[in-house]
Amino acid sequence: MKKLYREGKTIIMASHLLDEVEKVCTDVAILKRGELIVSGKVNEILSNEDMVEVAAKDHSKLVSVLNMLPEKTRMIDENNVVKVFFPVGKADLSAVNGYCFNNGVVLNHLTLKKQSLEARFFELTNN
């Protein structure tokens, strides 16, 4: 497939193996019940938000503090880890860490995560 791509050929691939699609394809279209939801470059569809995962011993206080965090677009609280979303390029790990610390929360987990195509698919299709 890569040889054909280098020769300028277009390859259309339909697959439910989204990890493979993410690795191989340059463009993607996501359908739900035959309706086009989104299409474009894979990296553009994946990069509409930066996601930071955070956790702390005092989870309820962490959630309370993060609710007031400026520049975040949304949060998801999953299994004692909070996923905090920011506009592309706005996630600043040191700022998040300092904000939490200055508000009485010591983090034991702080990482910038890339969203997978599979996670983005489920988010877009609400499945």
N, C-alpha and C. Protein backbone atom coordinates (compact mmCIF):
# COMPACT_ATOMS: atom_id res chain seq x y z
N MET A 1 0.83 -1.19 0.00
CA MET A 1 0.00 0.00 0.00
C MET A 1 0.87 1.26 0.00
N LYS A 2 1.96 1.23 0.77
CA LYS A 2 2.84 2.40 0.81
C LYS A 2 3.49 2.67 -0.53
N LYS A 3 3.83 1.60 -1.27
CA LYS A 3 4.41 1.76 -2.60
C LYS A 3 3.40 2.44 -3.52
N LEU A 4 2.16 1.99 -3.48
CA LEU A 4 1.12 2.60 -4.30
C LEU A 4 0.93 4.07 -3.93
N TYR A 5 0.98 4.37 -2.64
CA TYR A 5 0.85 5.74 -2.17
C TYR A 5 1.98 6.61 -2.73
N ARG A 6 3.21 6.09 -2.67
CA ARG A 6 4.37 6.83 -3.19
C ARG A 6 4.25 7.06 -4.70
N GLU A 7 3.54 6.18 -5.38
CA GLU A 7 3.32 6.33 -6.81
C GLU A 7 2.18 7.29 -7.12
N GLY A 8 1.58 7.85 -6.08
CA GLY A 8 0.50 8.82 -6.28
C GLY A 8 -0.87 8.22 -6.41
N LYS A 9 -0.99 6.96 -6.12
CA LYS A 9 -2.28 6.28 -6.21
C LYS A 9 -3.09 6.52 -4.94
N THR A 10 -4.39 6.59 -5.09
CA THR A 10 -5.30 6.70 -3.95
C THR A 10 -5.82 5.32 -3.61
N ILE A 11 -5.80 5.00 -2.34
CA ILE A 11 -6.29 3.72 -1.85
C ILE A 11 -7.44 4.00 -0.89
N ILE A 12 -8.57 3.38 -1.13
CA ILE A 12 -9.70 3.52 -0.22
C ILE A 12 -9.80 2.24 0.59
N MET A 13 -9.80 2.41 1.90
CA MET A 13 -9.81 1.27 2.81
C MET A 13 -10.96 1.43 3.78
N ALA A 14 -11.80 0.41 3.88
CA ALA A 14 -12.88 0.42 4.87
C ALA A 14 -12.49 -0.56 5.97
N SER A 15 -12.50 -0.09 7.21
CA SER A 15 -12.05 -0.96 8.29
C SER A 15 -12.63 -0.53 9.62
N HIS A 16 -12.81 -1.50 10.48
CA HIS A 16 -13.17 -1.23 11.87
C HIS A 16 -11.93 -1.30 12.76
N LEU A 17 -10.79 -1.62 12.19
CA LEU A 17 -9.53 -1.68 12.93
C LEU A 17 -8.92 -0.27 12.92
N LEU A 18 -9.43 0.58 13.79
CA LEU A 18 -9.09 1.99 13.74
C LEU A 18 -7.64 2.28 14.09
N ASP A 19 -7.02 1.42 14.88
CA ASP A 19 -5.60 1.59 15.18
C ASP A 19 -4.78 1.47 13.90
N GLU A 20 -5.14 0.52 13.05
CA GLU A 20 -4.46 0.34 11.77
C GLU A 20 -4.74 1.51 10.84
N VAL A 21 -5.98 1.96 10.79
CA VAL A 21 -6.34 3.10 9.96
C VAL A 21 -5.49 4.31 10.36
N GLU A 22 -5.37 4.54 11.65
CA GLU A 22 -4.58 5.66 12.16
C GLU A 22 -3.12 5.58 11.72
N LYS A 23 -2.58 4.37 11.66
CA LYS A 23 -1.17 4.18 11.31
C LYS A 23 -0.93 4.27 9.80
N VAL A 24 -1.91 3.88 8.99
CA VAL A 24 -1.70 3.73 7.56
C VAL A 24 -2.27 4.88 6.73
N CYS A 25 -3.38 5.42 7.13
CA CYS A 25 -4.10 6.37 6.29
C CYS A 25 -3.70 7.82 6.53
N THR A 26 -3.83 8.62 5.49
CA THR A 26 -3.59 10.07 5.61
C THR A 26 -4.90 10.80 5.86
N ASP A 27 -5.98 10.30 5.29
CA ASP A 27 -7.31 10.90 5.45
C ASP A 27 -8.27 9.84 5.97
N VAL A 28 -9.33 10.32 6.60
CA VAL A 28 -10.32 9.40 7.16
C VAL A 28 -11.70 10.03 7.06
N ALA A 29 -12.70 9.19 6.93
CA ALA A 29 -14.10 9.62 6.99
C ALA A 29 -14.79 8.73 8.00
N ILE A 30 -15.54 9.32 8.91
CA ILE A 30 -16.25 8.56 9.93
C ILE A 30 -17.75 8.67 9.64
N LEU A 31 -18.35 7.49 9.52
CA LEU A 31 -19.78 7.40 9.22
C LEU A 31 -20.53 6.84 10.42
N LYS A 32 -21.76 7.26 10.56
CA LYS A 32 -22.66 6.69 11.57
C LYS A 32 -23.98 6.41 10.89
N ARG A 33 -24.34 5.14 10.81
CA ARG A 33 -25.57 4.71 10.15
C ARG A 33 -25.66 5.28 8.73
N GLY A 34 -24.53 5.26 8.01
CA GLY A 34 -24.50 5.72 6.64
C GLY A 34 -24.39 7.22 6.45
N GLU A 35 -24.40 7.99 7.53
CA GLU A 35 -24.28 9.45 7.46
C GLU A 35 -22.85 9.85 7.77
N LEU A 36 -22.29 10.75 6.96
CA LEU A 36 -20.94 11.26 7.19
C LEU A 36 -20.95 12.19 8.40
N ILE A 37 -20.12 11.86 9.41
CA ILE A 37 -20.03 12.69 10.62
C ILE A 37 -18.88 13.67 10.48
N VAL A 38 -17.73 13.17 10.04
CA VAL A 38 -16.55 14.01 9.90
C VAL A 38 -15.61 13.37 8.88
N SER A 39 -14.87 14.21 8.17
CA SER A 39 -13.84 13.69 7.28
C SER A 39 -12.70 14.70 7.21
N GLY A 40 -11.52 14.21 6.90
CA GLY A 40 -10.37 15.08 6.79
C GLY A 40 -9.09 14.32 7.08
N LYS A 41 -8.01 15.07 7.23
CA LYS A 41 -6.71 14.49 7.57
C LYS A 41 -6.80 13.84 8.95
N VAL A 42 -6.19 12.67 9.09
CA VAL A 42 -6.23 11.94 10.36
C VAL A 42 -5.74 12.82 11.50
N ASN A 43 -4.60 13.51 11.31
CA ASN A 43 -4.05 14.32 12.40
C ASN A 43 -4.94 15.51 12.76
N GLU A 44 -5.72 16.03 11.80
CA GLU A 44 -6.64 17.13 12.10
C GLU A 44 -7.84 16.64 12.90
N ILE A 45 -8.33 15.47 12.58
CA ILE A 45 -9.47 14.92 13.31
C ILE A 45 -9.08 14.55 14.72
N LEU A 46 -7.85 14.08 14.89
CA LEU A 46 -7.38 13.71 16.23
C LEU A 46 -7.01 14.91 17.07
N SER A 47 -6.59 16.00 16.46
CA SER A 47 -5.99 17.07 17.23
C SER A 47 -6.89 18.28 17.44
N ASN A 48 -8.17 18.05 17.66
CA ASN A 48 -9.03 19.19 17.93
C ASN A 48 -8.95 19.63 19.38
N GLU A 49 -8.33 18.82 20.22
CA GLU A 49 -8.15 19.16 21.64
C GLU A 49 -6.87 18.51 22.15
N ASP A 50 -6.27 19.13 23.16
CA ASP A 50 -5.20 18.50 23.93
C ASP A 50 -5.86 17.87 25.15
N MET A 51 -5.40 16.69 25.56
CA MET A 51 -5.96 16.02 26.72
C MET A 51 -4.86 15.79 27.76
N VAL A 52 -5.13 16.21 28.98
CA VAL A 52 -4.21 16.00 30.09
C VAL A 52 -4.90 15.11 31.11
N GLU A 53 -4.22 14.04 31.51
CA GLU A 53 -4.74 13.17 32.57
C GLU A 53 -4.11 13.58 33.89
N VAL A 54 -4.95 13.72 34.92
CA VAL A 54 -4.46 14.07 36.25
C VAL A 54 -5.14 13.20 37.30
N ALA A 55 -4.42 12.97 38.39
CA ALA A 55 -4.98 12.24 39.52
C ALA A 55 -4.30 12.74 40.78
N ALA A 56 -5.00 12.57 41.90
CA ALA A 56 -4.48 12.97 43.20
C ALA A 56 -5.12 12.07 44.26
N LYS A 57 -4.49 12.00 45.41
CA LYS A 57 -5.01 11.19 46.51
C LYS A 57 -6.41 11.66 46.90
N ASP A 58 -6.59 12.99 47.00
CA ASP A 58 -7.90 13.55 47.34
C ASP A 58 -8.65 13.85 46.04
N HIS A 59 -9.29 12.82 45.52
CA HIS A 59 -9.94 12.91 44.21
C HIS A 59 -11.06 13.95 44.18
N SER A 60 -11.88 13.99 45.20
CA SER A 60 -13.01 14.94 45.19
C SER A 60 -12.51 16.39 45.19
N LYS A 61 -11.45 16.67 45.94
CA LYS A 61 -10.89 18.02 45.95
C LYS A 61 -10.27 18.34 44.59
N LEU A 62 -9.61 17.36 43.98
CA LEU A 62 -9.03 17.54 42.65
C LEU A 62 -10.12 17.95 41.65
N VAL A 63 -11.21 17.23 41.65
CA VAL A 63 -12.31 17.53 40.71
C VAL A 63 -12.84 18.93 40.97
N SER A 64 -13.01 19.29 42.23
CA SER A 64 -13.50 20.61 42.59
C SER A 64 -12.56 21.71 42.09
N VAL A 65 -11.27 21.52 42.28
CA VAL A 65 -10.27 22.51 41.84
C VAL A 65 -10.23 22.58 40.31
N LEU A 66 -10.25 21.43 39.65
CA LEU A 66 -10.18 21.42 38.20
C LEU A 66 -11.41 22.04 37.55
N ASN A 67 -12.54 21.98 38.22
CA ASN A 67 -13.75 22.62 37.68
C ASN A 67 -13.55 24.12 37.47
N MET A 68 -12.65 24.73 38.23
CA MET A 68 -12.40 26.17 38.14
C MET A 68 -11.17 26.49 37.27
N LEU A 69 -10.54 25.48 36.70
CA LEU A 69 -9.32 25.67 35.91
C LEU A 69 -9.62 26.48 34.65
N PRO A 70 -8.90 27.61 34.47
CA PRO A 70 -9.13 28.41 33.27
C PRO A 70 -8.62 27.70 32.00
N GLU A 71 -9.16 28.04 30.88
CA GLU A 71 -8.78 27.55 29.55
C GLU A 71 -9.21 26.13 29.23
N LYS A 72 -9.67 25.37 30.21
CA LYS A 72 -10.12 24.01 29.88
C LYS A 72 -11.44 24.12 29.10
N THR A 73 -11.66 23.16 28.23
CA THR A 73 -12.91 23.14 27.49
C THR A 73 -13.92 22.18 28.10
N ARG A 74 -13.41 21.10 28.71
CA ARG A 74 -14.29 20.12 29.36
C ARG A 74 -13.45 19.16 30.18
N MET A 75 -14.13 18.33 30.97
CA MET A 75 -13.47 17.32 31.80
C MET A 75 -14.27 16.02 31.76
N ILE A 76 -13.56 14.92 31.91
CA ILE A 76 -14.20 13.61 32.05
C ILE A 76 -13.56 12.95 33.27
N ASP A 77 -14.37 12.54 34.22
CA ASP A 77 -13.91 11.88 35.44
C ASP A 77 -14.10 10.38 35.26
N GLU A 78 -12.97 9.65 35.14
CA GLU A 78 -13.03 8.21 34.90
C GLU A 78 -12.11 7.45 35.86
N ASN A 79 -12.67 6.61 36.69
CA ASN A 79 -11.88 5.70 37.53
C ASN A 79 -10.74 6.40 38.27
N ASN A 80 -11.05 7.47 38.97
CA ASN A 80 -10.08 8.22 39.77
C ASN A 80 -9.01 8.93 38.96
N VAL A 81 -9.19 9.03 37.66
CA VAL A 81 -8.33 9.83 36.79
C VAL A 81 -9.23 10.83 36.08
N VAL A 82 -8.82 12.09 36.09
CA VAL A 82 -9.60 13.12 35.43
C VAL A 82 -8.92 13.48 34.12
N LYS A 83 -9.68 13.43 33.03
CA LYS A 83 -9.18 13.86 31.73
C LYS A 83 -9.65 15.30 31.53
N VAL A 84 -8.67 16.18 31.36
CA VAL A 84 -8.97 17.60 31.18
C VAL A 84 -8.60 17.97 29.75
N PHE A 85 -9.52 18.59 29.04
CA PHE A 85 -9.32 18.93 27.64
C PHE A 85 -9.11 20.43 27.48
N PHE A 86 -8.21 20.78 26.56
CA PHE A 86 -7.86 22.17 26.27
C PHE A 86 -7.88 22.37 24.75
N PRO A 87 -8.01 23.60 24.30
CA PRO A 87 -7.85 23.85 22.86
C PRO A 87 -6.44 23.40 22.43
N VAL A 88 -6.30 23.03 21.18
CA VAL A 88 -5.01 22.55 20.67
C VAL A 88 -3.91 23.54 21.00
N GLY A 89 -2.83 23.02 21.58
CA GLY A 89 -1.66 23.83 21.90
C GLY A 89 -1.74 24.60 23.20
N LYS A 90 -2.85 24.48 23.93
CA LYS A 90 -3.04 25.25 25.17
C LYS A 90 -2.77 24.45 26.44
N ALA A 91 -2.56 23.14 26.32
CA ALA A 91 -2.29 22.33 27.52
C ALA A 91 -0.87 22.60 28.00
N ASP A 92 -0.75 23.07 29.22
CA ASP A 92 0.55 23.38 29.83
C ASP A 92 0.65 22.59 31.13
N LEU A 93 1.41 21.50 31.11
CA LEU A 93 1.47 20.62 32.28
C LEU A 93 1.98 21.34 33.51
N SER A 94 2.99 22.19 33.37
CA SER A 94 3.51 22.90 34.55
C SER A 94 2.47 23.87 35.10
N ALA A 95 1.68 24.48 34.24
CA ALA A 95 0.63 25.39 34.71
C ALA A 95 -0.47 24.61 35.44
N VAL A 96 -0.84 23.45 34.91
CA VAL A 96 -1.86 22.61 35.58
C VAL A 96 -1.34 22.17 36.94
N ASN A 97 -0.09 21.73 36.99
CA ASN A 97 0.51 21.28 38.24
C ASN A 97 0.55 22.42 39.26
N GLY A 98 1.03 23.58 38.83
CA GLY A 98 1.11 24.74 39.73
C GLY A 98 -0.26 25.19 40.20
N TYR A 99 -1.25 25.19 39.30
CA TYR A 99 -2.61 25.58 39.66
C TYR A 99 -3.17 24.66 40.75
N CYS A 100 -3.00 23.36 40.53
CA CYS A 100 -3.50 22.39 41.52
C CYS A 100 -2.77 22.56 42.85
N PHE A 101 -1.46 22.65 42.82
CA PHE A 101 -0.67 22.79 44.04
C PHE A 101 -1.06 24.07 44.79
N ASN A 102 -1.21 25.18 44.08
CA ASN A 102 -1.59 26.45 44.71
C ASN A 102 -3.00 26.43 45.28
N ASN A 103 -3.79 25.44 44.86
CA ASN A 103 -5.14 25.29 45.39
C ASN A 103 -5.26 24.09 46.32
N GLY A 104 -4.12 23.63 46.84
CA GLY A 104 -4.11 22.60 47.88
C GLY A 104 -4.20 21.17 47.42
N VAL A 105 -3.93 20.92 46.14
CA VAL A 105 -3.99 19.55 45.63
C VAL A 105 -2.61 19.14 45.11
N VAL A 106 -2.08 18.05 45.65
CA VAL A 106 -0.80 17.50 45.19
C VAL A 106 -1.12 16.37 44.23
N LEU A 107 -0.64 16.50 43.00
CA LEU A 107 -0.92 15.50 41.98
C LEU A 107 0.01 14.31 42.11
N ASN A 108 -0.54 13.11 41.86
CA ASN A 108 0.30 11.91 41.79
C ASN A 108 0.32 11.33 40.39
N HIS A 109 -0.37 12.00 39.48
CA HIS A 109 -0.39 11.59 38.06
C HIS A 109 -0.66 12.83 37.23
N LEU A 110 0.19 13.07 36.23
CA LEU A 110 0.03 14.22 35.34
C LEU A 110 0.70 13.88 34.02
N THR A 111 -0.10 13.76 32.95
CA THR A 111 0.48 13.41 31.66
C THR A 111 -0.35 13.96 30.51
N LEU A 112 0.32 14.33 29.45
CA LEU A 112 -0.34 14.76 28.23
C LEU A 112 -0.58 13.52 27.38
N LYS A 113 -1.80 13.32 26.95
CA LYS A 113 -2.16 12.13 26.19
C LYS A 113 -2.63 12.50 24.80
N LYS A 114 -2.27 11.68 23.83
CA LYS A 114 -2.78 11.81 22.48
C LYS A 114 -4.02 10.95 22.38
N GLN A 115 -5.06 11.52 21.85
CA GLN A 115 -6.30 10.76 21.70
C GLN A 115 -6.17 9.83 20.50
N SER A 116 -6.58 8.60 20.66
CA SER A 116 -6.52 7.65 19.55
C SER A 116 -7.71 7.86 18.62
N LEU A 117 -7.57 7.40 17.39
CA LEU A 117 -8.67 7.48 16.44
C LEU A 117 -9.88 6.71 16.95
N GLU A 118 -9.62 5.59 17.61
CA GLU A 118 -10.73 4.79 18.15
C GLU A 118 -11.49 5.58 19.22
N ALA A 119 -10.78 6.26 20.12
CA ALA A 119 -11.44 7.07 21.15
C ALA A 119 -12.21 8.20 20.52
N ARG A 120 -11.63 8.84 19.51
CA ARG A 120 -12.31 9.94 18.81
C ARG A 120 -13.55 9.43 18.09
N PHE A 121 -13.47 8.24 17.47
CA PHE A 121 -14.61 7.63 16.81
C PHE A 121 -15.77 7.44 17.79
N PHE A 122 -15.47 6.85 18.95
CA PHE A 122 -16.54 6.61 19.93
C PHE A 122 -17.10 7.91 20.47
N GLU A 123 -16.25 8.91 20.61
CA GLU A 123 -16.72 10.22 21.06
C GLU A 123 -17.67 10.83 20.03
N LEU A 124 -17.32 10.75 18.76
CA LEU A 124 -18.12 11.34 17.69
C LEU A 124 -19.42 10.58 17.46
N THR A 125 -19.40 9.27 17.63
CA THR A 125 -20.59 8.47 17.37
C THR A 125 -21.40 8.20 18.63
N ASN A 126 -20.91 8.65 19.78
CA ASN A 126 -21.58 8.47 21.08
C ASN A 126 -21.88 7.02 21.38
N ASN A 127 -20.96 6.13 21.02
CA ASN A 127 -21.14 4.68 21.29
C ASN A 127 -20.11 4.21 22.26
